Amino acid sequence: FNLIINIYLIEYCALNPLTLDCISLVIYFYYNYFSFIRFPAIVDLALRVNKLGKSSITYEIKVFKRGEDTIKIVKEFIYIFINRNN
């Protein structure tokens, strides 16, 4: 799930997490499972920023089975950002 967030930051926000002056830490996350997805199903992910604070971001990721509109899983992350040198 972190991969979709990093792709979003790099491709759509022109940010590279490896070269920023700060690092991000996950301080909270949860999953809501609504139904199962079995291997080898292909999934689609939808990323949304739920809250943008001064030093934190809350992301939500929804998981869908490819070709279906029913949400299978919802995951929420809260990231905080701290100075890399402190």
Protein backbone atom coordinates (compact mmCIF):
# COMPACT_ATOMS: atom_id res chain seq x y z
CA PHE A 1 0.00 0.00 0.00
CA ASN A 2 2.92 2.37 0.55
CA LEU A 3 3.85 2.00 -3.11
CA ILE A 4 0.73 3.78 -4.35
CA ILE A 5 1.45 6.70 -1.99
CA ASN A 6 5.06 6.97 -3.17
CA ILE A 7 4.00 6.81 -6.83
CA TYR A 8 1.46 9.57 -6.17
CA LEU A 9 4.05 11.79 -4.45
CA ILE A 10 6.67 11.28 -7.16
CA GLU A 11 4.50 11.41 -10.29
CA TYR A 12 1.77 13.87 -9.32
CA CYS A 13 3.37 16.07 -6.63
CA ALA A 14 6.95 16.17 -8.00
CA LEU A 15 8.26 14.99 -4.62
CA ASN A 16 10.81 12.28 -4.08
CA PRO A 17 10.57 10.83 -0.56
CA LEU A 18 14.27 9.93 -0.68
CA THR A 19 15.45 13.51 -1.23
CA LEU A 20 13.08 15.46 1.04
CA ASP A 21 14.37 17.31 4.12
CA CYS A 22 11.89 15.35 6.20
CA ILE A 23 10.91 11.74 6.69
CA SER A 24 7.42 10.34 7.08
CA LEU A 25 6.34 7.94 9.79
CA VAL A 26 3.08 6.02 9.95
CA ILE A 27 1.53 6.71 13.35
CA TYR A 28 -1.88 5.16 12.75
CA PHE A 29 -3.53 2.81 10.31
CA TYR A 30 -6.60 0.65 10.07
CA TYR A 31 -8.22 -1.74 7.65
CA ASN A 32 -11.89 -2.40 7.02
CA TYR A 33 -12.48 -5.68 5.21
CA PHE A 34 -15.80 -5.94 3.41
CA SER A 35 -15.17 -9.08 1.37
CA PHE A 36 -12.30 -11.33 0.34
CA ILE A 37 -10.14 -11.17 -2.74
CA ARG A 38 -8.40 -14.40 -3.65
CA PHE A 39 -5.14 -14.88 -5.53
CA PRO A 40 -4.63 -14.51 -8.49
CA ALA A 41 -7.26 -11.75 -8.72
CA ILE A 42 -6.09 -8.41 -10.11
CA VAL A 43 -6.97 -5.38 -8.01
CA ASP A 44 -7.39 -1.66 -8.61
CA LEU A 45 -6.50 0.86 -5.92
CA ALA A 46 -8.03 4.29 -5.37
CA LEU A 47 -6.02 6.81 -3.34
CA ARG A 48 -7.51 9.83 -1.60
CA VAL A 49 -6.13 12.44 0.79
CA ASN A 50 -8.67 12.66 3.61
CA LYS A 51 -6.91 15.38 5.62
CA LEU A 52 -3.93 17.62 4.98
CA GLY A 53 -2.41 19.14 8.10
CA LYS A 54 0.71 21.22 8.81
CA SER A 55 2.85 18.18 9.59
CA SER A 56 0.62 15.23 8.77
CA ILE A 57 -1.40 13.69 5.97
CA THR A 58 -4.24 11.20 6.23
CA TYR A 59 -4.52 8.91 3.20
CA GLU A 60 -7.30 6.49 2.35
CA ILE A 61 -6.86 3.59 -0.06
CA LYS A 62 -9.80 1.63 -1.43
CA VAL A 63 -9.27 -1.79 -2.97
CA PHE A 64 -11.49 -3.09 -5.76
CA LYS A 65 -11.38 -6.33 -7.69
CA ARG A 66 -10.64 -5.41 -11.31
CA GLY A 67 -13.87 -4.91 -13.24
CA GLU A 68 -16.04 -4.53 -10.13
CA ASP A 69 -17.38 -1.43 -8.37
CA THR A 70 -17.77 -3.03 -4.94
CA ILE A 71 -15.19 -1.92 -2.37
CA LYS A 72 -13.37 -4.92 -0.93
CA ILE A 73 -10.99 -3.23 1.54
CA VAL A 74 -10.50 0.30 2.87
CA LYS A 75 -7.23 1.25 4.51
CA GLU A 76 -6.43 4.56 6.18
CA PHE A 77 -2.92 5.78 7.07
CA ILE A 78 -1.87 8.82 9.07
CA TYR A 79 1.65 9.94 8.25
CA ILE A 80 3.54 12.55 10.26
CA PHE A 81 6.57 14.37 8.89
CA ILE A 82 9.66 15.15 10.93
CA ASN A 83 12.94 16.82 10.04
CA ARG A 84 15.41 14.25 8.73
CA ASN A 85 18.31 15.82 10.68
CA ASN A 86 16.68 15.92 14.12
